Amino acid sequence: MEYDQHVKNRLKRIVGQVKDGLNMIEQGENCREIVTQLSAAHSALNQEIEVMVSTNLEQCVRESIKQDGKTENLVKEAIDLLVKSR
């Protein structure tokens, strides 16, 4: 699967949030502020995983329908990925 620039940009933003959290720890910031920062990164990462899995599933289903019409395993794999990410 090919990923567009939006996916890469969102992941870079998440990396920045995690780095900011680390900087906050190193600077002795308040725990509440650090947790808020890291929670934002966690939430954004979960959303990105959901987008990636759903986009990939859609593409795989379209391709499978063209080839043999079997999609049962694709849906199970996508659900397994989402469960694993939690």
N, C-alpha and C. Protein backbone atom coordinates (compact mmCIF):
# COMPACT_ATOMS: atom_id res chain seq x y z
N MET A 1 0.84 -1.18 0.00
CA MET A 1 0.00 0.00 0.00
C MET A 1 0.88 1.23 0.00
N GLU A 2 0.50 2.19 -0.77
CA GLU A 2 1.24 3.44 -0.85
C GLU A 2 0.56 4.48 0.05
N TYR A 3 1.35 5.19 0.83
CA TYR A 3 0.80 6.19 1.75
C TYR A 3 1.06 7.58 1.21
N ASP A 4 0.05 8.44 1.33
CA ASP A 4 0.20 9.79 0.80
C ASP A 4 0.89 10.70 1.82
N GLN A 5 1.15 11.90 1.41
CA GLN A 5 1.89 12.85 2.24
C GLN A 5 1.12 13.22 3.51
N HIS A 6 -0.22 13.17 3.46
CA HIS A 6 -1.01 13.50 4.65
C HIS A 6 -0.71 12.52 5.79
N VAL A 7 -0.57 11.24 5.46
CA VAL A 7 -0.26 10.23 6.47
C VAL A 7 1.11 10.53 7.08
N LYS A 8 2.07 10.80 6.24
CA LYS A 8 3.42 11.09 6.72
C LYS A 8 3.43 12.35 7.59
N ASN A 9 2.70 13.36 7.18
CA ASN A 9 2.64 14.61 7.96
C ASN A 9 2.02 14.38 9.33
N ARG A 10 0.94 13.58 9.38
CA ARG A 10 0.30 13.31 10.66
C ARG A 10 1.24 12.54 11.59
N LEU A 11 1.97 11.58 11.04
CA LEU A 11 2.92 10.84 11.87
C LEU A 11 4.06 11.73 12.36
N LYS A 12 4.51 12.64 11.52
CA LYS A 12 5.55 13.58 11.94
C LYS A 12 5.05 14.48 13.07
N ARG A 13 3.78 14.86 13.00
CA ARG A 13 3.18 15.68 14.04
C ARG A 13 3.13 14.90 15.37
N ILE A 14 2.80 13.61 15.29
CA ILE A 14 2.76 12.77 16.48
C ILE A 14 4.16 12.64 17.08
N VAL A 15 5.16 12.43 16.23
CA VAL A 15 6.55 12.36 16.71
C VAL A 15 6.91 13.66 17.43
N GLY A 16 6.49 14.78 16.89
CA GLY A 16 6.75 16.07 17.52
C GLY A 16 6.08 16.18 18.89
N GLN A 17 4.86 15.65 19.00
CA GLN A 17 4.17 15.68 20.29
C GLN A 17 4.91 14.84 21.32
N VAL A 18 5.40 13.68 20.91
CA VAL A 18 6.14 12.82 21.84
C VAL A 18 7.45 13.49 22.25
N LYS A 19 8.15 14.09 21.28
CA LYS A 19 9.39 14.82 21.61
C LYS A 19 9.11 15.96 22.57
N ASP A 20 8.00 16.67 22.35
CA ASP A 20 7.64 17.75 23.27
C ASP A 20 7.39 17.20 24.67
N GLY A 21 6.75 16.04 24.75
CA GLY A 21 6.53 15.41 26.05
C GLY A 21 7.84 15.08 26.74
N LEU A 22 8.79 14.55 25.98
CA LEU A 22 10.11 14.24 26.54
C LEU A 22 10.81 15.51 27.01
N ASN A 23 10.75 16.55 26.21
CA ASN A 23 11.35 17.83 26.61
C ASN A 23 10.71 18.36 27.90
N MET A 24 9.41 18.21 28.00
CA MET A 24 8.71 18.67 29.20
C MET A 24 9.19 17.90 30.43
N ILE A 25 9.42 16.59 30.26
CA ILE A 25 9.93 15.77 31.37
C ILE A 25 11.32 16.26 31.76
N GLU A 26 12.17 16.47 30.77
CA GLU A 26 13.55 16.91 31.03
C GLU A 26 13.59 18.28 31.69
N GLN A 27 12.60 19.11 31.42
CA GLN A 27 12.55 20.45 32.00
C GLN A 27 11.81 20.48 33.33
N GLY A 28 11.32 19.31 33.76
CA GLY A 28 10.65 19.24 35.06
C GLY A 28 9.26 19.84 35.08
N GLU A 29 8.60 19.81 33.95
CA GLU A 29 7.24 20.37 33.86
C GLU A 29 6.29 19.59 34.76
N ASN A 30 5.14 20.17 34.96
CA ASN A 30 4.08 19.58 35.76
C ASN A 30 3.58 18.28 35.11
N CYS A 31 3.39 17.27 35.94
CA CYS A 31 2.94 15.96 35.47
C CYS A 31 1.65 16.06 34.66
N ARG A 32 0.75 16.88 35.10
CA ARG A 32 -0.54 17.02 34.42
C ARG A 32 -0.35 17.51 32.97
N GLU A 33 0.56 18.46 32.78
CA GLU A 33 0.82 18.98 31.45
C GLU A 33 1.48 17.92 30.56
N ILE A 34 2.38 17.15 31.15
CA ILE A 34 3.07 16.08 30.40
C ILE A 34 2.07 15.02 29.96
N VAL A 35 1.22 14.61 30.89
CA VAL A 35 0.22 13.60 30.57
C VAL A 35 -0.74 14.11 29.50
N THR A 36 -1.10 15.36 29.57
CA THR A 36 -1.98 15.94 28.55
C THR A 36 -1.31 15.88 27.18
N GLN A 37 -0.05 16.23 27.13
CA GLN A 37 0.70 16.21 25.87
C GLN A 37 0.80 14.78 25.32
N LEU A 38 1.16 13.84 26.17
CA LEU A 38 1.32 12.46 25.73
C LEU A 38 -0.03 11.82 25.39
N SER A 39 -1.08 12.22 26.08
CA SER A 39 -2.42 11.72 25.76
C SER A 39 -2.86 12.18 24.37
N ALA A 40 -2.50 13.41 24.03
CA ALA A 40 -2.82 13.92 22.69
C ALA A 40 -2.10 13.10 21.63
N ALA A 41 -0.83 12.76 21.88
CA ALA A 41 -0.08 11.94 20.94
C ALA A 41 -0.68 10.54 20.84
N HIS A 42 -1.06 9.98 21.96
CA HIS A 42 -1.67 8.65 22.00
C HIS A 42 -2.97 8.63 21.20
N SER A 43 -3.80 9.62 21.42
CA SER A 43 -5.07 9.71 20.70
C SER A 43 -4.85 9.88 19.20
N ALA A 44 -3.92 10.72 18.84
CA ALA A 44 -3.62 10.95 17.42
C ALA A 44 -3.08 9.68 16.77
N LEU A 45 -2.26 8.94 17.49
CA LEU A 45 -1.71 7.70 16.96
C LEU A 45 -2.82 6.66 16.77
N ASN A 46 -3.72 6.56 17.72
CA ASN A 46 -4.85 5.64 17.56
C ASN A 46 -5.70 6.01 16.35
N GLN A 47 -5.94 7.28 16.16
CA GLN A 47 -6.73 7.71 15.00
C GLN A 47 -6.00 7.38 13.71
N GLU A 48 -4.70 7.57 13.69
CA GLU A 48 -3.92 7.28 12.48
C GLU A 48 -3.95 5.79 12.16
N ILE A 49 -3.85 4.96 13.18
CA ILE A 49 -3.94 3.51 12.97
C ILE A 49 -5.29 3.16 12.37
N GLU A 50 -6.36 3.73 12.90
CA GLU A 50 -7.70 3.45 12.37
C GLU A 50 -7.81 3.86 10.92
N VAL A 51 -7.29 5.02 10.57
CA VAL A 51 -7.34 5.49 9.18
C VAL A 51 -6.54 4.55 8.28
N MET A 52 -5.36 4.17 8.73
CA MET A 52 -4.51 3.29 7.91
C MET A 52 -5.17 1.93 7.69
N VAL A 53 -5.71 1.35 8.75
CA VAL A 53 -6.35 0.03 8.62
C VAL A 53 -7.57 0.11 7.73
N SER A 54 -8.41 1.12 7.92
CA SER A 54 -9.63 1.22 7.12
C SER A 54 -9.31 1.50 5.65
N THR A 55 -8.33 2.35 5.39
CA THR A 55 -7.94 2.65 4.01
C THR A 55 -7.36 1.40 3.35
N ASN A 56 -6.51 0.71 4.07
CA ASN A 56 -5.91 -0.51 3.55
C ASN A 56 -6.99 -1.56 3.29
N LEU A 57 -7.93 -1.71 4.22
CA LEU A 57 -9.01 -2.68 4.06
C LEU A 57 -9.82 -2.36 2.81
N GLU A 58 -10.16 -1.12 2.64
CA GLU A 58 -10.94 -0.72 1.46
C GLU A 58 -10.20 -1.09 0.17
N GLN A 59 -8.92 -0.78 0.11
CA GLN A 59 -8.14 -1.10 -1.10
C GLN A 59 -8.03 -2.60 -1.31
N CYS A 60 -7.80 -3.35 -0.24
CA CYS A 60 -7.67 -4.80 -0.36
C CYS A 60 -8.99 -5.45 -0.78
N VAL A 61 -10.10 -4.96 -0.24
CA VAL A 61 -11.41 -5.51 -0.61
C VAL A 61 -11.68 -5.25 -2.09
N ARG A 62 -11.43 -4.05 -2.56
CA ARG A 62 -11.63 -3.74 -3.98
C ARG A 62 -10.79 -4.65 -4.87
N GLU A 63 -9.55 -4.84 -4.49
CA GLU A 63 -8.64 -5.69 -5.26
C GLU A 63 -9.10 -7.15 -5.23
N SER A 64 -9.51 -7.61 -4.07
CA SER A 64 -9.95 -9.00 -3.92
C SER A 64 -11.22 -9.27 -4.71
N ILE A 65 -12.12 -8.32 -4.72
CA ILE A 65 -13.37 -8.49 -5.48
C ILE A 65 -13.06 -8.64 -6.96
N LYS A 66 -12.09 -7.88 -7.44
CA LYS A 66 -11.70 -7.99 -8.85
C LYS A 66 -11.08 -9.36 -9.15
N GLN A 67 -10.35 -9.92 -8.17
CA GLN A 67 -9.63 -11.17 -8.41
C GLN A 67 -10.50 -12.40 -8.17
N ASP A 68 -10.96 -12.60 -6.93
CA ASP A 68 -11.70 -13.82 -6.64
C ASP A 68 -12.97 -13.60 -5.82
N GLY A 69 -13.23 -12.40 -5.40
CA GLY A 69 -14.46 -12.09 -4.68
C GLY A 69 -14.47 -12.46 -3.21
N LYS A 70 -13.39 -13.01 -2.70
CA LYS A 70 -13.34 -13.44 -1.30
C LYS A 70 -12.78 -12.31 -0.43
N THR A 71 -13.57 -11.91 0.56
CA THR A 71 -13.15 -10.80 1.42
C THR A 71 -13.18 -11.15 2.91
N GLU A 72 -13.67 -12.34 3.27
CA GLU A 72 -13.84 -12.69 4.68
C GLU A 72 -12.54 -12.55 5.48
N ASN A 73 -11.47 -13.09 4.94
CA ASN A 73 -10.19 -13.03 5.66
C ASN A 73 -9.67 -11.61 5.80
N LEU A 74 -9.97 -10.76 4.82
CA LEU A 74 -9.49 -9.38 4.87
C LEU A 74 -10.12 -8.62 6.03
N VAL A 75 -11.40 -8.81 6.21
CA VAL A 75 -12.09 -8.12 7.31
C VAL A 75 -11.56 -8.63 8.65
N LYS A 76 -11.38 -9.94 8.77
CA LYS A 76 -10.84 -10.52 10.01
C LYS A 76 -9.44 -9.97 10.30
N GLU A 77 -8.60 -9.89 9.28
CA GLU A 77 -7.25 -9.34 9.46
C GLU A 77 -7.30 -7.89 9.92
N ALA A 78 -8.21 -7.11 9.35
CA ALA A 78 -8.32 -5.70 9.73
C ALA A 78 -8.77 -5.58 11.18
N ILE A 79 -9.73 -6.39 11.57
CA ILE A 79 -10.19 -6.36 12.96
C ILE A 79 -9.07 -6.78 13.90
N ASP A 80 -8.33 -7.82 13.51
CA ASP A 80 -7.20 -8.26 14.34
C ASP A 80 -6.16 -7.15 14.51
N LEU A 81 -5.90 -6.40 13.44
CA LEU A 81 -4.96 -5.29 13.53
C LEU A 81 -5.44 -4.21 14.50
N LEU A 82 -6.72 -3.89 14.41
CA LEU A 82 -7.28 -2.88 15.32
C LEU A 82 -7.23 -3.34 16.77
N VAL A 83 -7.56 -4.60 17.00
CA VAL A 83 -7.51 -5.15 18.35
C VAL A 83 -6.07 -5.13 18.87
N LYS A 84 -5.14 -5.54 18.03
CA LYS A 84 -3.73 -5.57 18.42
C LYS A 84 -3.22 -4.17 18.78
N SER A 85 -3.74 -3.17 18.11
CA SER A 85 -3.26 -1.80 18.34
C SER A 85 -3.77 -1.21 19.66
N ARG A 86 -4.69 -1.87 20.27
CA ARG A 86 -5.24 -1.37 21.53
C ARG A 86 -4.47 -1.94 22.65
